[in-house]
Amino acid sequence: MTTAPPATPRIVTVRQNILKANDHTAAGNRAAFRAAGVRAINLVSSPGAGKTALLERTLRDLNGRLRLAVAVGDLATENDAARLRGHGAQAEQIVTGTVCHLDAAMVRDVLPRFDLTALDVLFLENVGNLVCPSSYDLGEAARAVLLSTTEGEDKPLKYPTMFNTADVVVITKMDLADAVDFDRDLARENIDRARPGVPVIELSSKRSTGLEAWYAFVRGESV
């Protein structure tokens, strides 16, 4: 009796095909952004790290200086988009359902709601997750990964792929650093292990510290 050879694994092939299609769509998004002169910024973090709070503060402070808008990704509800609209900017919700990340097709499909020629910066607020979004190019010009002081210093080591794709790492909630015994030096050491040389911004949206460095990044300037 002969034993049948094991079935050829298909999951790798399927994933490769999905990412190839995503990259093709992302290239189209990137071309559209460049043609319109829009800087697209992909914001990624774990849930509760402060993406929406940082965006609220950014919209409030830069309104009138830059033309800003946001595409917001969440599994459900339009709560974050509604919060951001309250600061005078266009915010469009992308409800992903069971999908734990934005992909390039979702971004492509929401772009007709925006007049890209009337924008300087479009924020792509990703779903709160430090795993799935790392593999999906959205067509952005830059990726900002947020890490809050309340999460601990080892997140870059637990999720190295995400941090290794960052163009900047933003440490949020610095106003709580002392209260939660946040080890700033260790956090920076771990970030550098995951992504050597990546710029790091420490800020507090609540206390208004570190925001100018963040705003320089938003404008595309050196941090």
C-alpha atoms as a PDB file:
ATOM      1  CA  MET A   1       0.000   0.000   0.000  1.00  0.00           C
ATOM      2  CA  THR A   2       1.443   3.317  -1.032  1.00  0.00           C
ATOM      3  CA  THR A   3       0.947   6.456   0.940  1.00  0.00           C
ATOM      4  CA  ALA A   4      -0.349   9.440  -0.965  1.00  0.00           C
ATOM      5  CA  PRO A   5       1.971  12.428  -0.893  1.00  0.00           C
ATOM      6  CA  PRO A   6       0.848  15.230   1.398  1.00  0.00           C
ATOM      7  CA  ALA A   7      -1.303  17.900  -0.211  1.00  0.00           C
ATOM      8  CA  THR A   8       0.622  20.914  -1.414  1.00  0.00           C
ATOM      9  CA  PRO A   9       0.098  23.789   1.033  1.00  0.00           C
ATOM     10  CA  ARG A  10      -1.977  26.497  -0.603  1.00  0.00           C
ATOM     11  CA  ILE A  11      -2.086  29.121   2.109  1.00  0.00           C
ATOM     12  CA  VAL A  12       1.261  30.610   1.071  1.00  0.00           C
ATOM     13  CA  THR A  13       0.216  30.843  -2.577  1.00  0.00           C
ATOM     14  CA  VAL A  14      -3.099  32.446  -1.700  1.00  0.00           C
ATOM     15  CA  ARG A  15      -1.385  34.996   0.572  1.00  0.00           C
ATOM     16  CA  GLN A  16       1.169  35.825  -2.121  1.00  0.00           C
ATOM     17  CA  ASN A  17      -1.601  36.400  -4.649  1.00  0.00           C
ATOM     18  CA  ILE A  18      -3.542  38.608  -2.239  1.00  0.00           C
ATOM     19  CA  LEU A  19      -0.517  40.750  -1.457  1.00  0.00           C
ATOM     20  CA  LYS A  20       0.435  40.990  -5.132  1.00  0.00           C
ATOM     21  CA  ALA A  21      -3.034  42.288  -5.988  1.00  0.00           C
ATOM     22  CA  ASN A  22      -2.878  44.656  -3.022  1.00  0.00           C
ATOM     23  CA  ASP A  23       0.494  46.034  -4.124  1.00  0.00           C
ATOM     24  CA  HIS A  24      -0.869  46.665  -7.619  1.00  0.00           C
ATOM     25  CA  THR A  25      -3.813  48.619  -6.195  1.00  0.00           C
ATOM     26  CA  ALA A  26      -1.518  50.464  -3.789  1.00  0.00           C
ATOM     27  CA  ALA A  27       0.620  51.593  -6.711  1.00  0.00           C
ATOM     28  CA  GLY A  28      -2.487  53.096  -8.285  1.00  0.00           C
ATOM     29  CA  ASN A  29      -3.376  54.870  -5.036  1.00  0.00           C
ATOM     30  CA  ARG A  30       0.156  56.217  -4.748  1.00  0.00           C
ATOM     31  CA  ALA A  31       0.040  57.532  -8.309  1.00  0.00           C
ATOM     32  CA  ALA A  32      -3.257  59.293  -7.572  1.00  0.00           C
ATOM     33  CA  PHE A  33      -1.843  60.897  -4.423  1.00  0.00           C
ATOM     34  CA  ARG A  34       1.280  62.082  -6.214  1.00  0.00           C
ATOM     35  CA  ALA A  35      -0.671  63.473  -9.137  1.00  0.00           C
ATOM     36  CA  ALA A  36      -2.802  65.518  -6.741  1.00  0.00           C
ATOM     37  CA  GLY A  37       0.156  66.589  -4.595  1.00  0.00           C
ATOM     38  CA  VAL A  38      -1.269  64.875  -1.505  1.00  0.00           C
ATOM     39  CA  ARG A  39       0.893  63.445   1.270  1.00  0.00           C
ATOM     40  CA  ALA A  40      -0.839  60.263   2.476  1.00  0.00           C
ATOM     41  CA  ILE A  41       0.125  59.110   5.978  1.00  0.00           C
ATOM     42  CA  ASN A  42      -0.791  55.658   7.286  1.00  0.00           C
ATOM     43  CA  LEU A  43      -1.319  55.714  11.079  1.00  0.00           C
ATOM     44  CA  VAL A  44      -0.997  52.339  12.772  1.00  0.00           C
ATOM     45  CA  SER A  45      -1.127  51.300  16.418  1.00  0.00           C
ATOM     46  CA  SER A  46      -2.711  48.888  18.852  1.00  0.00           C
ATOM     47  CA  PRO A  47      -6.210  49.818  20.095  1.00  0.00           C
ATOM     48  CA  GLY A  48      -6.255  52.749  22.480  1.00  0.00           C
ATOM     49  CA  ALA A  49      -2.786  54.082  21.715  1.00  0.00           C
ATOM     50  CA  GLY A  50      -4.180  57.510  20.879  1.00  0.00           C
ATOM     51  CA  LYS A  51      -4.444  57.721  17.082  1.00  0.00           C
ATOM     52  CA  THR A  52      -7.766  59.531  17.073  1.00  0.00           C
ATOM     53  CA  ALA A  53      -6.787  61.852  19.914  1.00  0.00           C
ATOM     54  CA  LEU A  54      -3.605  62.800  18.053  1.00  0.00           C
ATOM     55  CA  LEU A  55      -5.583  63.400  14.879  1.00  0.00           C
ATOM     56  CA  GLU A  56      -8.073  65.586  16.730  1.00  0.00           C
ATOM     57  CA  ARG A  57      -5.263  67.728  18.082  1.00  0.00           C
ATOM     58  CA  THR A  58      -3.555  67.833  14.673  1.00  0.00           C
ATOM     59  CA  LEU A  59      -6.722  68.953  12.903  1.00  0.00           C
ATOM     60  CA  ARG A  60      -7.351  71.621  15.517  1.00  0.00           C
ATOM     61  CA  ASP A  61      -3.815  73.026  15.443  1.00  0.00           C
ATOM     62  CA  LEU A  62      -3.117  72.850  11.713  1.00  0.00           C
ATOM     63  CA  ASN A  63      -6.536  73.931  10.441  1.00  0.00           C
ATOM     64  CA  GLY A  64      -5.958  76.881   8.144  1.00  0.00           C
ATOM     65  CA  ARG A  65      -2.268  76.060   7.724  1.00  0.00           C
ATOM     66  CA  LEU A  66      -2.717  72.748   5.903  1.00  0.00           C
ATOM     67  CA  ARG A  67      -5.684  71.244   4.090  1.00  0.00           C
ATOM     68  CA  LEU A  68      -6.282  67.989   5.952  1.00  0.00           C
ATOM     69  CA  ALA A  69      -8.693  65.075   5.705  1.00  0.00           C
ATOM     70  CA  VAL A  70      -8.952  61.580   7.196  1.00  0.00           C
ATOM     71  CA  ALA A  71     -10.062  58.141   6.060  1.00  0.00           C
ATOM     72  CA  VAL A  72     -10.845  56.151   9.210  1.00  0.00           C
ATOM     73  CA  GLY A  73     -10.720  52.365   9.392  1.00  0.00           C
ATOM     74  CA  ASP A  74     -12.663  50.512  12.094  1.00  0.00           C
ATOM     75  CA  LEU A  75     -14.299  47.115  12.423  1.00  0.00           C
ATOM     76  CA  ALA A  76     -17.612  48.806  13.241  1.00  0.00           C
ATOM     77  CA  THR A  77     -19.296  52.189  13.964  1.00  0.00           C
ATOM     78  CA  GLU A  78     -18.521  55.654  12.590  1.00  0.00           C
ATOM     79  CA  ASN A  79     -17.662  57.080  15.994  1.00  0.00           C
ATOM     80  CA  ASP A  80     -14.094  58.142  15.202  1.00  0.00           C
ATOM     81  CA  ALA A  81     -15.033  59.796  11.912  1.00  0.00           C
ATOM     82  CA  ALA A  82     -17.773  61.739  13.699  1.00  0.00           C
ATOM     83  CA  ARG A  83     -15.267  62.901  16.330  1.00  0.00           C
ATOM     84  CA  LEU A  84     -12.871  64.132  13.664  1.00  0.00           C
ATOM     85  CA  ARG A  85     -15.548  65.934  11.649  1.00  0.00           C
ATOM     86  CA  GLY A  86     -16.164  67.977  14.763  1.00  0.00           C
ATOM     87  CA  HIS A  87     -12.805  69.668  14.131  1.00  0.00           C
ATOM     88  CA  GLY A  88     -13.811  70.998  10.735  1.00  0.00           C
ATOM     89  CA  ALA A  89     -12.144  68.410   8.508  1.00  0.00           C
ATOM     90  CA  GLN A  90     -13.606  65.891   6.110  1.00  0.00           C
ATOM     91  CA  ALA A  91     -13.485  62.428   7.647  1.00  0.00           C
ATOM     92  CA  GLU A  92     -14.808  59.362   5.858  1.00  0.00           C
ATOM     93  CA  GLN A  93     -15.354  56.065   7.639  1.00  0.00           C
ATOM     94  CA  ILE A  94     -14.256  52.710   6.238  1.00  0.00           C
ATOM     95  CA  VAL A  95     -16.089  49.939   8.101  1.00  0.00           C
ATOM     96  CA  THR A  96     -14.030  46.780   7.648  1.00  0.00           C
ATOM     97  CA  GLY A  97     -16.397  44.316   9.312  1.00  0.00           C
ATOM     98  CA  THR A  98     -14.354  41.269  10.309  1.00  0.00           C
ATOM     99  CA  VAL A  99     -11.171  42.439   8.554  1.00  0.00           C
ATOM    100  CA  CYS A 100      -8.491  43.562  11.016  1.00  0.00           C
ATOM    101  CA  HIS A 101      -6.699  46.008   8.717  1.00  0.00           C
ATOM    102  CA  LEU A 102      -7.162  48.438   5.870  1.00  0.00           C
ATOM    103  CA  ASP A 103      -6.051  47.296   2.451  1.00  0.00           C
ATOM    104  CA  ALA A 104      -5.336  49.218  -0.724  1.00  0.00           C
ATOM    105  CA  ALA A 105      -8.700  48.367  -2.303  1.00  0.00           C
ATOM    106  CA  MET A 106     -10.581  49.822   0.682  1.00  0.00           C
ATOM    107  CA  VAL A 107      -8.601  53.029   0.330  1.00  0.00           C
ATOM    108  CA  ARG A 108      -9.130  53.108  -3.444  1.00  0.00           C
ATOM    109  CA  ASP A 109     -12.878  52.740  -2.964  1.00  0.00           C
ATOM    110  CA  VAL A 110     -13.119  55.636  -0.488  1.00  0.00           C
ATOM    111  CA  LEU A 111     -11.009  58.086  -2.517  1.00  0.00           C
ATOM    112  CA  PRO A 112     -13.868  59.272  -4.783  1.00  0.00           C
ATOM    113  CA  ARG A 113     -15.453  60.846  -1.679  1.00  0.00           C
ATOM    114  CA  PHE A 114     -12.482  63.229  -1.429  1.00  0.00           C
ATOM    115  CA  ASP A 115     -11.384  66.033  -3.710  1.00  0.00           C
ATOM    116  CA  LEU A 116      -7.694  65.188  -3.602  1.00  0.00           C
ATOM    117  CA  THR A 117      -6.749  68.372  -5.443  1.00  0.00           C
ATOM    118  CA  ALA A 118      -8.121  70.332  -2.480  1.00  0.00           C
ATOM    119  CA  LEU A 119      -5.939  68.518   0.069  1.00  0.00           C
ATOM    120  CA  ASP A 120      -2.364  68.697   1.294  1.00  0.00           C
ATOM    121  CA  VAL A 121      -2.452  65.702   3.643  1.00  0.00           C
ATOM    122  CA  LEU A 122      -4.731  62.669   3.838  1.00  0.00           C
ATOM    123  CA  PHE A 123      -4.435  60.584   7.010  1.00  0.00           C
ATOM    124  CA  LEU A 124      -5.273  56.900   6.709  1.00  0.00           C
ATOM    125  CA  GLU A 125      -6.192  55.887  10.262  1.00  0.00           C
ATOM    126  CA  ASN A 126      -5.757  52.129  10.231  1.00  0.00           C
ATOM    127  CA  VAL A 127      -7.611  49.566  12.323  1.00  0.00           C
ATOM    128  CA  GLY A 128      -6.142  49.171  15.814  1.00  0.00           C
ATOM    129  CA  ASN A 129      -3.820  46.212  15.288  1.00  0.00           C
ATOM    130  CA  LEU A 130      -0.050  45.701  15.267  1.00  0.00           C
ATOM    131  CA  VAL A 131      -0.073  42.491  13.217  1.00  0.00           C
ATOM    132  CA  CYS A 132      -2.167  42.461  10.032  1.00  0.00           C
ATOM    133  CA  PRO A 133      -1.626  46.068   8.826  1.00  0.00           C
ATOM    134  CA  SER A 134       2.141  45.539   8.581  1.00  0.00           C
ATOM    135  CA  SER A 135       1.783  43.525   5.367  1.00  0.00           C
ATOM    136  CA  TYR A 136      -0.533  45.897   3.504  1.00  0.00           C
ATOM    137  CA  ASP A 137       0.777  48.836   1.530  1.00  0.00           C
ATOM    138  CA  LEU A 138      -2.030  51.379   1.123  1.00  0.00           C
ATOM    139  CA  GLY A 139      -0.180  53.617  -1.289  1.00  0.00           C
ATOM    140  CA  GLU A 140       0.926  55.948   1.500  1.00  0.00           C
ATOM    141  CA  ALA A 141       3.927  58.247   1.383  1.00  0.00           C
ATOM    142  CA  ALA A 142       4.800  57.448   5.001  1.00  0.00           C
ATOM    143  CA  ARG A 143       3.820  55.110   7.819  1.00  0.00           C
ATOM    144  CA  ALA A 144       3.653  56.303  11.421  1.00  0.00           C
ATOM    145  CA  VAL A 145       3.517  53.639  14.143  1.00  0.00           C
ATOM    146  CA  LEU A 146       2.216  54.798  17.514  1.00  0.00           C
ATOM    147  CA  LEU A 147       3.257  53.305  20.840  1.00  0.00           C
ATOM    148  CA  SER A 148       1.681  54.595  24.052  1.00  0.00           C
ATOM    149  CA  THR A 149       3.479  54.726  27.376  1.00  0.00           C
ATOM    150  CA  THR A 150       0.651  52.677  28.906  1.00  0.00           C
ATOM    151  CA  GLU A 151       1.467  49.687  26.679  1.00  0.00           C
ATOM    152  CA  GLY A 152       4.931  49.015  28.043  1.00  0.00           C
ATOM    153  CA  GLU A 153       8.381  49.182  26.507  1.00  0.00           C
ATOM    154  CA  ASP A 154       8.493  45.767  24.808  1.00  0.00           C
ATOM    155  CA  LYS A 155       5.914  46.271  22.035  1.00  0.00           C
ATOM    156  CA  PRO A 156       8.617  46.802  19.367  1.00  0.00           C
ATOM    157  CA  LEU A 157      10.108  43.405  20.249  1.00  0.00           C
ATOM    158  CA  LYS A 158       6.725  41.654  20.284  1.00  0.00           C
ATOM    159  CA  TYR A 159       5.667  43.145  16.948  1.00  0.00           C
ATOM    160  CA  PRO A 160       8.954  43.685  15.076  1.00  0.00           C
ATOM    161  CA  THR A 161       7.457  43.472  11.581  1.00  0.00           C
ATOM    162  CA  MET A 162       5.199  46.447  12.197  1.00  0.00           C
ATOM    163  CA  PHE A 163       7.923  48.577  13.725  1.00  0.00           C
ATOM    164  CA  ASN A 164      10.350  47.556  10.990  1.00  0.00           C
ATOM    165  CA  THR A 165       8.029  49.131   8.404  1.00  0.00           C
ATOM    166  CA  ALA A 166       7.760  52.464  10.235  1.00  0.00           C
ATOM    167  CA  ASP A 167       8.996  55.763   8.833  1.00  0.00           C
ATOM    168  CA  VAL A 168       8.534  57.285  12.274  1.00  0.00           C
ATOM    169  CA  VAL A 169       7.625  55.898  15.697  1.00  0.00           C
ATOM    170  CA  VAL A 170       5.476  58.150  17.871  1.00  0.00           C
ATOM    171  CA  ILE A 171       5.446  57.527  21.623  1.00  0.00           C
ATOM    172  CA  THR A 172       2.127  58.884  22.856  1.00  0.00           C
ATOM    173  CA  LYS A 173       0.681  59.719  26.295  1.00  0.00           C
ATOM    174  CA  MET A 174       3.990  60.978  27.643  1.00  0.00           C
ATOM    175  CA  ASP A 175       1.996  62.807  30.325  1.00  0.00           C
ATOM    176  CA  LEU A 176       1.348  59.362  31.862  1.00  0.00           C
ATOM    177  CA  ALA A 177       4.949  58.114  31.642  1.00  0.00           C
ATOM    178  CA  ASP A 178       5.810  58.667  35.297  1.00  0.00           C
ATOM    179  CA  ALA A 179       2.505  57.294  36.543  1.00  0.00           C
ATOM    180  CA  VAL A 180       2.968  53.989  34.699  1.00  0.00           C
ATOM    181  CA  ASP A 181       6.758  53.758  35.330  1.00  0.00           C
ATOM    182  CA  PHE A 182       7.495  53.966  31.615  1.00  0.00           C
ATOM    183  CA  ASP A 183      11.189  53.350  30.904  1.00  0.00           C
ATOM    184  CA  ARG A 184      11.909  55.815  28.116  1.00  0.00           C
ATOM    185  CA  ASP A 185      15.475  54.654  27.491  1.00  0.00           C
ATOM    186  CA  LEU A 186      14.468  50.990  27.280  1.00  0.00           C
ATOM    187  CA  ALA A 187      11.610  51.806  24.912  1.00  0.00           C
ATOM    188  CA  ARG A 188      13.960  53.682  22.609  1.00  0.00           C
ATOM    189  CA  GLU A 189      16.483  50.853  22.780  1.00  0.00           C
ATOM    190  CA  ASN A 190      13.801  48.353  21.759  1.00  0.00           C
ATOM    191  CA  ILE A 191      12.570  50.572  18.939  1.00  0.00           C
ATOM    192  CA  ASP A 192      16.107  50.860  17.625  1.00  0.00           C
ATOM    193  CA  ARG A 193      16.524  47.077  17.776  1.00  0.00           C
ATOM    194  CA  ALA A 194      13.407  46.632  15.664  1.00  0.00           C
ATOM    195  CA  ARG A 195      14.093  49.527  13.278  1.00  0.00           C
ATOM    196  CA  PRO A 196      17.630  50.913  13.581  1.00  0.00           C
ATOM    197  CA  GLY A 197      17.792  54.642  13.089  1.00  0.00           C
ATOM    198  CA  VAL A 198      14.067  55.282  12.771  1.00  0.00           C
ATOM    199  CA  PRO A 199      13.053  58.770  13.976  1.00  0.00           C
ATOM    200  CA  VAL A 200      11.207  58.742  17.305  1.00  0.00           C
ATOM    201  CA  ILE A 201       8.817  61.455  18.484  1.00  0.00           C
ATOM    202  CA  GLU A 202       7.694  61.643  22.114  1.00  0.00           C
ATOM    203  CA  LEU A 203       4.517  63.622  22.618  1.00  0.00           C
ATOM    204  CA  SER A 204       1.435  64.265  24.648  1.00  0.00           C
ATOM    205  CA  SER A 205      -1.665  65.476  22.847  1.00  0.00           C
ATOM    206  CA  LYS A 206      -3.134  66.463  26.213  1.00  0.00           C
ATOM    207  CA  ARG A 207      -0.147  68.451  27.498  1.00  0.00           C
ATOM    208  CA  SER A 208       0.914  69.864  24.086  1.00  0.00           C
ATOM    209  CA  THR A 209       4.450  68.509  24.276  1.00  0.00           C
ATOM    210  CA  GLY A 210       6.362  67.181  21.268  1.00  0.00           C
ATOM    211  CA  LEU A 211       3.698  68.245  18.808  1.00  0.00           C
ATOM    212  CA  GLU A 212       5.908  70.482  16.677  1.00  0.00           C
ATOM    213  CA  ALA A 213       8.105  67.507  15.747  1.00  0.00           C
ATOM    214  CA  TRP A 214       4.982  65.586  14.784  1.00  0.00           C
ATOM    215  CA  TYR A 215       3.722  68.493  12.698  1.00  0.00           C
ATOM    216  CA  ALA A 216       7.080  68.653  10.916  1.00  0.00           C
ATOM    217  CA  PHE A 217       6.641  64.978   9.988  1.00  0.00           C
ATOM    218  CA  VAL A 218       3.098  65.666   8.788  1.00  0.00           C
ATOM    219  CA  ARG A 219       4.484  68.364   6.486  1.00  0.00           C
ATOM    220  CA  GLY A 220       7.145  65.978   5.173  1.00  0.00           C
ATOM    221  CA  GLU A 221      10.040  67.711   6.883  1.00  0.00           C
ATOM    222  CA  SER A 222      12.949  66.086   8.706  1.00  0.00           C
ATOM    223  CA  VAL A 223      12.266  65.100  12.299  1.00  0.00           C
END
